[in-house]
Amino acid sequence: MSRLRNHFAQLLAEDRGDVPGWVMITLMSAVLVAGLLALAAPAFEGLFNQAIDQVSR
């Protein structure tokens, strides 16, 4: 039992994860979404105004 416990403890100690990679992916995704939103904002505004105009008639 002690041997299994030591093996399990060693596996846990070695598994630190890849936190910086996930942080970078999250940041890059957020920047990409913000950039696309900045480029598409006028088109979205036009679509919204057109839909409101059609409903208001």
PDB file of N, CA and C in Angstrom:
ATOM      1  N   MET A   1       0.822  -1.191   0.000  1.00  0.00           N
ATOM      2  CA  MET A   1       0.000   0.000   0.000  1.00  0.00           C
ATOM      3  C   MET A   1       0.868   1.257   0.000  1.00  0.00           C
ATOM      4  N   SER A   2       1.963   1.219   0.744  1.00  0.00           N
ATOM      5  CA  SER A   2       2.854   2.370   0.825  1.00  0.00           C
ATOM      6  C   SER A   2       3.470   2.673  -0.539  1.00  0.00           C
ATOM      7  N   ARG A   3       3.771   1.621  -1.293  1.00  0.00           N
ATOM      8  CA  ARG A   3       4.366   1.807  -2.618  1.00  0.00           C
ATOM      9  C   ARG A   3       3.376   2.508  -3.549  1.00  0.00           C
ATOM     10  N   LEU A   4       2.117   2.114  -3.502  1.00  0.00           N
ATOM     11  CA  LEU A   4       1.085   2.742  -4.322  1.00  0.00           C
ATOM     12  C   LEU A   4       0.887   4.206  -3.922  1.00  0.00           C
ATOM     13  N   ARG A   5       0.886   4.473  -2.640  1.00  0.00           N
ATOM     14  CA  ARG A   5       0.724   5.840  -2.149  1.00  0.00           C
ATOM     15  C   ARG A   5       1.890   6.715  -2.608  1.00  0.00           C
ATOM     16  N   ASN A   6       3.098   6.191  -2.559  1.00  0.00           N
ATOM     17  CA  ASN A   6       4.270   6.948  -3.011  1.00  0.00           C
ATOM     18  C   ASN A   6       4.212   7.221  -4.511  1.00  0.00           C
ATOM     19  N   HIS A   7       3.762   6.224  -5.266  1.00  0.00           N
ATOM     20  CA  HIS A   7       3.641   6.398  -6.711  1.00  0.00           C
ATOM     21  C   HIS A   7       2.604   7.469  -7.022  1.00  0.00           C
ATOM     22  N   PHE A   8       1.464   7.441  -6.331  1.00  0.00           N
ATOM     23  CA  PHE A   8       0.408   8.412  -6.545  1.00  0.00           C
ATOM     24  C   PHE A   8       0.881   9.819  -6.159  1.00  0.00           C
ATOM     25  N   ALA A   9       1.597   9.936  -5.060  1.00  0.00           N
ATOM     26  CA  ALA A   9       2.125  11.226  -4.626  1.00  0.00           C
ATOM     27  C   ALA A   9       3.119  11.773  -5.641  1.00  0.00           C
ATOM     28  N   GLN A  10       3.920  10.896  -6.223  1.00  0.00           N
ATOM     29  CA  GLN A  10       4.891  11.327  -7.234  1.00  0.00           C
ATOM     30  C   GLN A  10       4.170  11.817  -8.492  1.00  0.00           C
ATOM     31  N   LEU A  11       3.117  11.128  -8.901  1.00  0.00           N
ATOM     32  CA  LEU A  11       2.354  11.558 -10.073  1.00  0.00           C
ATOM     33  C   LEU A  11       1.721  12.924  -9.840  1.00  0.00           C
ATOM     34  N   LEU A  12       1.181  13.145  -8.651  1.00  0.00           N
ATOM     35  CA  LEU A  12       0.579  14.439  -8.348  1.00  0.00           C
ATOM     36  C   LEU A  12       1.616  15.551  -8.321  1.00  0.00           C
ATOM     37  N   ALA A  13       2.796  15.258  -7.827  1.00  0.00           N
ATOM     38  CA  ALA A  13       3.848  16.260  -7.752  1.00  0.00           C
ATOM     39  C   ALA A  13       4.343  16.656  -9.140  1.00  0.00           C
ATOM     40  N   GLU A  14       4.330  15.724 -10.079  1.00  0.00           N
ATOM     41  CA  GLU A  14       4.815  15.997 -11.428  1.00  0.00           C
ATOM     42  C   GLU A  14       3.776  16.723 -12.275  1.00  0.00           C
ATOM     43  N   ASP A  15       2.507  16.597 -11.936  1.00  0.00           N
ATOM     44  CA  ASP A  15       1.437  17.173 -12.750  1.00  0.00           C
ATOM     45  C   ASP A  15       1.131  18.586 -12.280  1.00  0.00           C
ATOM     46  N   ARG A  16       1.836  19.545 -12.848  1.00  0.00           N
ATOM     47  CA  ARG A  16       1.627  20.937 -12.462  1.00  0.00           C
ATOM     48  C   ARG A  16       0.676  21.650 -13.406  1.00  0.00           C
ATOM     49  N   GLY A  17       0.385  21.102 -14.558  1.00  0.00           N
ATOM     50  CA  GLY A  17      -0.517  21.728 -15.515  1.00  0.00           C
ATOM     51  C   GLY A  17       0.193  22.758 -16.371  1.00  0.00           C
ATOM     52  N   ASP A  18      -0.574  23.344 -17.278  1.00  0.00           N
ATOM     53  CA  ASP A  18      -0.018  24.315 -18.211  1.00  0.00           C
ATOM     54  C   ASP A  18      -0.794  25.617 -18.079  1.00  0.00           C
ATOM     55  N   VAL A  19      -0.749  26.209 -16.920  1.00  0.00           N
ATOM     56  CA  VAL A  19      -1.511  27.426 -16.672  1.00  0.00           C
ATOM     57  C   VAL A  19      -1.096  28.562 -17.603  1.00  0.00           C
ATOM     58  N   PRO A  20       0.177  28.841 -17.815  1.00  0.00           N
ATOM     59  CA  PRO A  20       0.524  29.958 -18.701  1.00  0.00           C
ATOM     60  C   PRO A  20      -0.006  29.785 -20.126  1.00  0.00           C
ATOM     61  N   GLY A  21      -0.035  28.566 -20.615  1.00  0.00           N
ATOM     62  CA  GLY A  21      -0.584  28.333 -21.952  1.00  0.00           C
ATOM     63  C   GLY A  21      -2.063  28.670 -22.017  1.00  0.00           C
ATOM     64  N   TRP A  22      -2.812  28.261 -21.017  1.00  0.00           N
ATOM     65  CA  TRP A  22      -4.251  28.556 -20.998  1.00  0.00           C
ATOM     66  C   TRP A  22      -4.497  30.047 -20.813  1.00  0.00           C
ATOM     67  N   VAL A  23      -3.659  30.698 -20.044  1.00  0.00           N
ATOM     68  CA  VAL A  23      -3.808  32.150 -19.873  1.00  0.00           C
ATOM     69  C   VAL A  23      -3.575  32.841 -21.209  1.00  0.00           C
ATOM     70  N   MET A  24      -2.556  32.419 -21.940  1.00  0.00           N
ATOM     71  CA  MET A  24      -2.253  33.032 -23.234  1.00  0.00           C
ATOM     72  C   MET A  24      -3.385  32.794 -24.231  1.00  0.00           C
ATOM     73  N   ILE A  25      -3.929  31.594 -24.260  1.00  0.00           N
ATOM     74  CA  ILE A  25      -5.041  31.295 -25.169  1.00  0.00           C
ATOM     75  C   ILE A  25      -6.244  32.156 -24.829  1.00  0.00           C
ATOM     76  N   THR A  26      -6.539  32.313 -23.541  1.00  0.00           N
ATOM     77  CA  THR A  26      -7.677  33.128 -23.131  1.00  0.00           C
ATOM     78  C   THR A  26      -7.475  34.592 -23.515  1.00  0.00           C
ATOM     79  N   LEU A  27      -6.282  35.109 -23.279  1.00  0.00           N
ATOM     80  CA  LEU A  27      -5.996  36.497 -23.654  1.00  0.00           C
ATOM     81  C   LEU A  27      -6.088  36.709 -25.164  1.00  0.00           C
ATOM     82  N   MET A  28      -5.526  35.795 -25.920  1.00  0.00           N
ATOM     83  CA  MET A  28      -5.574  35.920 -27.377  1.00  0.00           C
ATOM     84  C   MET A  28      -7.000  35.856 -27.893  1.00  0.00           C
ATOM     85  N   SER A  29      -7.810  34.991 -27.307  1.00  0.00           N
ATOM     86  CA  SER A  29      -9.212  34.890 -27.709  1.00  0.00           C
ATOM     87  C   SER A  29      -9.963  36.176 -27.390  1.00  0.00           C
ATOM     88  N   ALA A  30      -9.712  36.741 -26.216  1.00  0.00           N
ATOM     89  CA  ALA A  30     -10.382  37.988 -25.833  1.00  0.00           C
ATOM     90  C   ALA A  30      -9.991  39.131 -26.761  1.00  0.00           C
ATOM     91  N   VAL A  31      -8.713  39.210 -27.122  1.00  0.00           N
ATOM     92  CA  VAL A  31      -8.255  40.264 -28.034  1.00  0.00           C
ATOM     93  C   VAL A  31      -8.874  40.066 -29.417  1.00  0.00           C
ATOM     94  N   LEU A  32      -8.954  38.847 -29.878  1.00  0.00           N
ATOM     95  CA  LEU A  32      -9.559  38.565 -31.184  1.00  0.00           C
ATOM     96  C   LEU A  32     -11.032  38.960 -31.206  1.00  0.00           C
ATOM     97  N   VAL A  33     -11.769  38.606 -30.172  1.00  0.00           N
ATOM     98  CA  VAL A  33     -13.194  38.962 -30.098  1.00  0.00           C
ATOM     99  C   VAL A  33     -13.361  40.475 -30.041  1.00  0.00           C
ATOM    100  N   ALA A  34     -12.543  41.155 -29.258  1.00  0.00           N
ATOM    101  CA  ALA A  34     -12.625  42.616 -29.163  1.00  0.00           C
ATOM    102  C   ALA A  34     -12.319  43.265 -30.513  1.00  0.00           C
ATOM    103  N   GLY A  35     -11.330  42.750 -31.210  1.00  0.00           N
ATOM    104  CA  GLY A  35     -10.993  43.294 -32.528  1.00  0.00           C
ATOM    105  C   GLY A  35     -12.103  43.088 -33.536  1.00  0.00           C
ATOM    106  N   LEU A  36     -12.669  41.899 -33.561  1.00  0.00           N
ATOM    107  CA  LEU A  36     -13.775  41.629 -34.487  1.00  0.00           C
ATOM    108  C   LEU A  36     -14.993  42.477 -34.151  1.00  0.00           C
ATOM    109  N   LEU A  37     -15.255  42.648 -32.869  1.00  0.00           N
ATOM    110  CA  LEU A  37     -16.382  43.478 -32.466  1.00  0.00           C
ATOM    111  C   LEU A  37     -16.164  44.928 -32.871  1.00  0.00           C
ATOM    112  N   ALA A  38     -14.952  45.416 -32.736  1.00  0.00           N
ATOM    113  CA  ALA A  38     -14.654  46.794 -33.132  1.00  0.00           C
ATOM    114  C   ALA A  38     -14.857  46.985 -34.636  1.00  0.00           C
ATOM    115  N   LEU A  39     -14.487  45.986 -35.421  1.00  0.00           N
ATOM    116  CA  LEU A  39     -14.659  46.090 -36.870  1.00  0.00           C
ATOM    117  C   LEU A  39     -16.115  45.938 -37.295  1.00  0.00           C
ATOM    118  N   ALA A  40     -16.867  45.102 -36.602  1.00  0.00           N
ATOM    119  CA  ALA A  40     -18.236  44.797 -37.001  1.00  0.00           C
ATOM    120  C   ALA A  40     -19.280  45.668 -36.308  1.00  0.00           C
ATOM    121  N   ALA A  41     -18.882  46.527 -35.379  1.00  0.00           N
ATOM    122  CA  ALA A  41     -19.841  47.334 -34.621  1.00  0.00           C
ATOM    123  C   ALA A  41     -20.737  48.189 -35.520  1.00  0.00           C
ATOM    124  N   PRO A  42     -20.210  48.872 -36.524  1.00  0.00           N
ATOM    125  CA  PRO A  42     -21.109  49.664 -37.389  1.00  0.00           C
ATOM    126  C   PRO A  42     -22.148  48.799 -38.117  1.00  0.00           C
ATOM    127  N   ALA A  43     -21.741  47.625 -38.563  1.00  0.00           N
ATOM    128  CA  ALA A  43     -22.689  46.742 -39.244  1.00  0.00           C
ATOM    129  C   ALA A  43     -23.766  46.256 -38.281  1.00  0.00           C
ATOM    130  N   PHE A  44     -23.370  45.904 -37.068  1.00  0.00           N
ATOM    131  CA  PHE A  44     -24.357  45.473 -36.067  1.00  0.00           C
ATOM    132  C   PHE A  44     -25.314  46.610 -35.720  1.00  0.00           C
ATOM    133  N   GLU A  45     -24.791  47.819 -35.623  1.00  0.00           N
ATOM    134  CA  GLU A  45     -25.638  48.973 -35.316  1.00  0.00           C
ATOM    135  C   GLU A  45     -26.641  49.212 -36.432  1.00  0.00           C
ATOM    136  N   GLY A  46     -26.181  49.076 -37.669  1.00  0.00           N
ATOM    137  CA  GLY A  46     -27.088  49.241 -38.806  1.00  0.00           C
ATOM    138  C   GLY A  46     -28.182  48.182 -38.825  1.00  0.00           C
ATOM    139  N   LEU A  47     -27.813  46.951 -38.560  1.00  0.00           N
ATOM    140  CA  LEU A  47     -28.818  45.883 -38.512  1.00  0.00           C
ATOM    141  C   LEU A  47     -29.823  46.116 -37.394  1.00  0.00           C
ATOM    142  N   PHE A  48     -29.339  46.541 -36.243  1.00  0.00           N
ATOM    143  CA  PHE A  48     -30.223  46.803 -35.112  1.00  0.00           C
ATOM    144  C   PHE A  48     -31.194  47.937 -35.430  1.00  0.00           C
ATOM    145  N   ASN A  49     -30.677  49.025 -35.984  1.00  0.00           N
ATOM    146  CA  ASN A  49     -31.541  50.166 -36.328  1.00  0.00           C
ATOM    147  C   ASN A  49     -32.567  49.796 -37.382  1.00  0.00           C
ATOM    148  N   GLN A  50     -32.167  48.999 -38.341  1.00  0.00           N
ATOM    149  CA  GLN A  50     -33.097  48.560 -39.390  1.00  0.00           C
ATOM    150  C   GLN A  50     -34.201  47.692 -38.793  1.00  0.00           C
ATOM    151  N   ALA A  51     -33.848  46.790 -37.888  1.00  0.00           N
ATOM    152  CA  ALA A  51     -34.851  45.937 -37.250  1.00  0.00           C
ATOM    153  C   ALA A  51     -35.809  46.759 -36.399  1.00  0.00           C
ATOM    154  N   ILE A  52     -35.304  47.739 -35.669  1.00  0.00           N
ATOM    155  CA  ILE A  52     -36.169  48.600 -34.839  1.00  0.00           C
ATOM    156  C   ILE A  52     -37.098  49.421 -35.719  1.00  0.00           C
ATOM    157  N   ASP A  53     -36.584  49.914 -36.843  1.00  0.00           N
ATOM    158  CA  ASP A  53     -37.428  50.691 -37.760  1.00  0.00           C
ATOM    159  C   ASP A  53     -38.570  49.842 -38.322  1.00  0.00           C
ATOM    160  N   GLN A  54     -38.283  48.591 -38.654  1.00  0.00           N
ATOM    161  CA  GLN A  54     -39.313  47.715 -39.193  1.00  0.00           C
ATOM    162  C   GLN A  54     -40.356  47.375 -38.148  1.00  0.00           C
ATOM    163  N   VAL A  55     -39.950  47.212 -36.915  1.00  0.00           N
ATOM    164  CA  VAL A  55     -40.911  46.897 -35.854  1.00  0.00           C
ATOM    165  C   VAL A  55     -41.735  48.124 -35.498  1.00  0.00           C
ATOM    166  N   SER A  56     -41.148  49.306 -35.575  1.00  0.00           N
ATOM    167  CA  SER A  56     -41.835  50.541 -35.190  1.00  0.00           C
ATOM    168  C   SER A  56     -42.905  50.953 -36.162  1.00  0.00           C
ATOM    169  N   ARG A  57     -42.851  50.488 -37.382  1.00  0.00           N
ATOM    170  CA  ARG A  57     -43.843  50.889 -38.407  1.00  0.00           C
ATOM    171  C   ARG A  57     -45.184  50.344 -38.121  1.00  0.00           C
TER     172      ARG A  57
END
